[in-house]
Amino acid sequence: MPVSRYEGRFTPDDGPDGGRAAAPSGAAMAPVGGGGSAPCCDPGVVGRTRHMLADLLHAVCPAGRDSDPSLQERFDAALLVTSELVTNACRHAGGPDHVGMLVEDGVLTVTVHDTSEQRPCPRYEDERGEAGGFGLSLVEALADEWGVSGVERGRGKTVYAVMRLS
């Protein structure tokens, strides 16, 4: 990949109109909405996050995904993993307070911070009954690494996923 480092971060307070903005480094940025203990009432948060990541991946490797089908598959997997992390923050924690994305040396790291102290827990096939709930199983299958960090009383947690793009 021709560019080794791009970073994009956004919070609910970035931008007065909820629009998109370009970071000085060329990384994509966008506000997310939601956050806190209120329900995630912004249905566009996952879509905006996906667009931000697509912009970031395109900035890092503008022509590669069109000429390399396996790179396109990795980009698609990265979009799915990111969508699942943000959706989980919306469904179980009132929405993300902060989403960070970093591509460095061909490795994407996505972080989603929320105010809940509850750790995410993947469900598996034998736990049927309730609709949904298998997103973390997808994250587990597609990401090279994922986990939870910074669980502190009253300060929430950060869920992260790491994926090799090259």
Protein backbone atom coordinates (compact mmCIF):
# COMPACT_ATOMS: atom_id res chain seq x y z
CA MET A 1 0.00 0.00 0.00
CA PRO A 2 1.48 3.33 -1.03
CA VAL A 3 0.53 5.28 2.11
CA SER A 4 1.52 3.80 5.44
CA ARG A 5 -0.51 5.93 7.84
CA TYR A 6 -3.89 7.63 7.81
CA GLU A 7 -6.04 8.30 10.80
CA GLY A 8 -9.64 9.37 11.12
CA ARG A 9 -11.51 10.06 14.33
CA PHE A 10 -14.90 11.47 15.02
CA THR A 11 -17.17 12.16 17.94
CA PRO A 12 -20.81 13.25 18.25
CA ASP A 13 -19.66 16.86 18.58
CA ASP A 14 -17.65 17.04 15.31
CA GLY A 15 -19.38 19.50 13.04
CA PRO A 16 -22.56 21.48 13.70
CA ASP A 17 -24.57 20.02 10.82
CA GLY A 18 -23.75 16.34 11.13
CA GLY A 19 -22.00 16.58 7.78
CA ARG A 20 -18.69 15.15 6.72
CA ALA A 21 -15.38 16.92 6.85
CA ALA A 22 -11.87 16.18 5.69
CA ALA A 23 -9.07 15.89 8.22
CA PRO A 24 -5.88 17.85 7.60
CA SER A 25 -3.97 14.59 7.05
CA GLY A 26 -6.40 13.52 4.32
CA ALA A 27 -8.17 10.99 6.52
CA ALA A 28 -11.95 10.89 6.41
CA MET A 29 -13.91 12.25 9.37
CA ALA A 30 -17.60 12.32 10.26
CA PRO A 31 -19.72 12.76 13.38
CA VAL A 32 -21.56 9.72 14.67
CA GLY A 33 -24.41 10.77 16.94
CA GLY A 34 -25.77 8.71 19.79
CA GLY A 35 -23.57 8.33 22.83
CA GLY A 36 -24.13 8.59 26.51
CA SER A 37 -26.85 6.55 28.16
CA ALA A 38 -29.58 7.73 25.79
CA PRO A 39 -30.81 5.24 23.21
CA CYS A 40 -29.08 5.42 19.86
CA CYS A 41 -31.85 7.24 18.03
CA ASP A 42 -29.74 8.22 15.01
CA PRO A 43 -30.37 5.55 12.36
CA GLY A 44 -27.61 7.00 10.16
CA VAL A 45 -24.71 6.38 12.53
CA VAL A 46 -23.73 3.01 11.08
CA GLY A 47 -23.98 4.24 7.51
CA ARG A 48 -21.89 7.34 8.21
CA THR A 49 -19.28 5.18 9.88
CA ARG A 50 -19.17 2.85 6.86
CA HIS A 51 -18.78 5.84 4.51
CA MET A 52 -15.99 7.24 6.63
CA LEU A 53 -14.14 3.93 6.54
CA ALA A 54 -14.69 3.56 2.78
CA ASP A 55 -13.23 7.06 2.29
CA LEU A 56 -10.28 6.21 4.52
CA LEU A 57 -9.57 2.93 2.70
CA HIS A 58 -9.84 4.66 -0.67
CA ALA A 59 -7.39 7.35 0.50
CA VAL A 60 -4.92 4.71 1.63
CA CYS A 61 -5.17 2.63 -1.53
CA PRO A 62 -7.02 4.54 -4.26
CA ALA A 63 -6.58 2.09 -7.16
CA GLY A 64 -5.72 -1.17 -5.43
CA ARG A 65 -9.19 -2.40 -4.62
CA ASP A 66 -10.30 -2.13 -8.25
CA SER A 67 -7.32 -4.09 -9.54
CA ASP A 68 -7.05 -6.65 -6.73
CA PRO A 69 -10.20 -8.71 -5.94
CA SER A 70 -8.71 -10.04 -2.69
CA LEU A 71 -8.11 -6.48 -1.50
CA GLN A 72 -11.76 -5.67 -2.25
CA GLU A 73 -12.78 -8.70 -0.14
CA ARG A 74 -10.66 -7.43 2.75
CA PHE A 75 -12.16 -3.94 2.40
CA ASP A 76 -15.67 -5.44 2.43
CA ALA A 77 -14.81 -7.49 5.52
CA ALA A 78 -13.45 -4.35 7.21
CA LEU A 79 -16.70 -2.51 6.45
CA LEU A 80 -18.74 -5.37 7.90
CA VAL A 81 -16.63 -5.64 11.06
CA THR A 82 -16.82 -1.89 11.62
CA SER A 83 -20.59 -1.88 11.07
CA GLU A 84 -21.01 -4.67 13.62
CA LEU A 85 -18.95 -2.86 16.27
CA VAL A 86 -20.93 0.36 15.85
CA THR A 87 -24.26 -1.50 15.71
CA ASN A 88 -23.40 -3.25 18.98
CA ALA A 89 -22.64 0.12 20.60
CA CYS A 90 -26.05 1.34 19.41
CA ARG A 91 -28.01 -1.73 20.48
CA HIS A 92 -26.37 -2.35 23.84
CA ALA A 93 -24.70 0.86 25.01
CA GLY A 94 -26.69 3.87 23.81
CA GLY A 95 -24.41 4.50 20.83
CA PRO A 96 -20.75 5.24 20.30
CA ASP A 97 -19.15 8.24 21.94
CA HIS A 98 -16.07 7.94 19.77
CA VAL A 99 -14.99 5.89 16.77
CA GLY A 100 -11.36 5.81 15.69
CA MET A 101 -9.87 4.29 12.54
CA LEU A 102 -6.20 3.95 11.77
CA VAL A 103 -4.44 2.31 8.84
CA GLU A 104 -0.74 1.84 9.45
CA ASP A 105 1.60 -0.43 7.52
CA GLY A 106 -1.33 -2.17 5.84
CA VAL A 107 -3.16 -2.90 9.11
CA LEU A 108 -6.55 -1.36 9.97
CA THR A 109 -7.43 -0.76 13.61
CA VAL A 110 -10.98 0.31 14.45
CA THR A 111 -11.93 1.43 17.95
CA VAL A 112 -15.46 2.10 19.20
CA HIS A 113 -15.85 3.70 22.62
CA ASP A 114 -19.15 3.83 24.50
CA THR A 115 -20.19 4.62 28.06
CA SER A 116 -21.38 1.14 29.02
CA GLU A 117 -19.26 -1.01 31.29
CA GLN A 118 -20.87 -4.20 29.98
CA ARG A 119 -18.40 -6.31 27.99
CA PRO A 120 -19.61 -7.65 24.65
CA CYS A 121 -19.98 -11.40 24.50
CA PRO A 122 -20.27 -13.39 21.26
CA ARG A 123 -23.22 -15.74 20.86
CA TYR A 124 -22.84 -19.02 19.08
CA GLU A 125 -25.13 -21.24 17.01
CA ASP A 126 -26.35 -23.25 19.98
CA GLU A 127 -27.78 -20.08 21.59
CA ARG A 128 -30.79 -19.66 19.31
CA GLY A 129 -34.02 -17.97 20.22
CA GLU A 130 -33.66 -14.20 20.09
CA ALA A 131 -33.21 -12.54 16.71
CA GLY A 132 -29.75 -11.16 16.05
CA GLY A 133 -26.86 -11.34 18.41
CA PHE A 134 -24.36 -13.02 16.14
CA GLY A 135 -22.46 -9.92 14.99
CA LEU A 136 -19.52 -10.52 17.30
CA SER A 137 -19.19 -14.02 15.88
CA LEU A 138 -18.70 -12.35 12.48
CA VAL A 139 -16.17 -9.95 14.00
CA GLU A 140 -14.37 -12.90 15.57
CA ALA A 141 -14.30 -14.75 12.23
CA LEU A 142 -13.21 -11.81 10.05
CA ALA A 143 -10.86 -9.77 12.24
CA ASP A 144 -7.31 -10.86 12.92
CA GLU A 145 -7.80 -9.70 16.49
CA TRP A 146 -10.57 -8.08 18.51
CA GLY A 147 -11.13 -7.30 22.13
CA VAL A 148 -12.18 -4.85 24.82
CA SER A 149 -9.97 -2.39 26.62
CA GLY A 150 -10.31 0.38 29.16
CA VAL A 151 -13.32 -0.91 31.06
CA GLU A 152 -13.60 1.56 33.95
CA ARG A 153 -16.50 2.26 36.26
CA GLY A 154 -18.28 5.31 34.93
CA ARG A 155 -16.02 5.70 31.90
CA GLY A 156 -17.24 2.94 29.60
CA LYS A 157 -15.10 0.76 27.37
CA THR A 158 -13.44 0.58 23.99
CA VAL A 159 -14.08 -2.35 21.66
CA TYR A 160 -11.44 -2.76 18.96
CA ALA A 161 -10.78 -4.86 15.88
CA VAL A 162 -7.55 -5.27 13.95
CA MET A 163 -7.44 -6.44 10.33
CA ARG A 164 -4.58 -6.86 7.88
CA LEU A 165 -5.50 -5.21 4.58
CA SER A 166 -2.54 -6.33 2.51
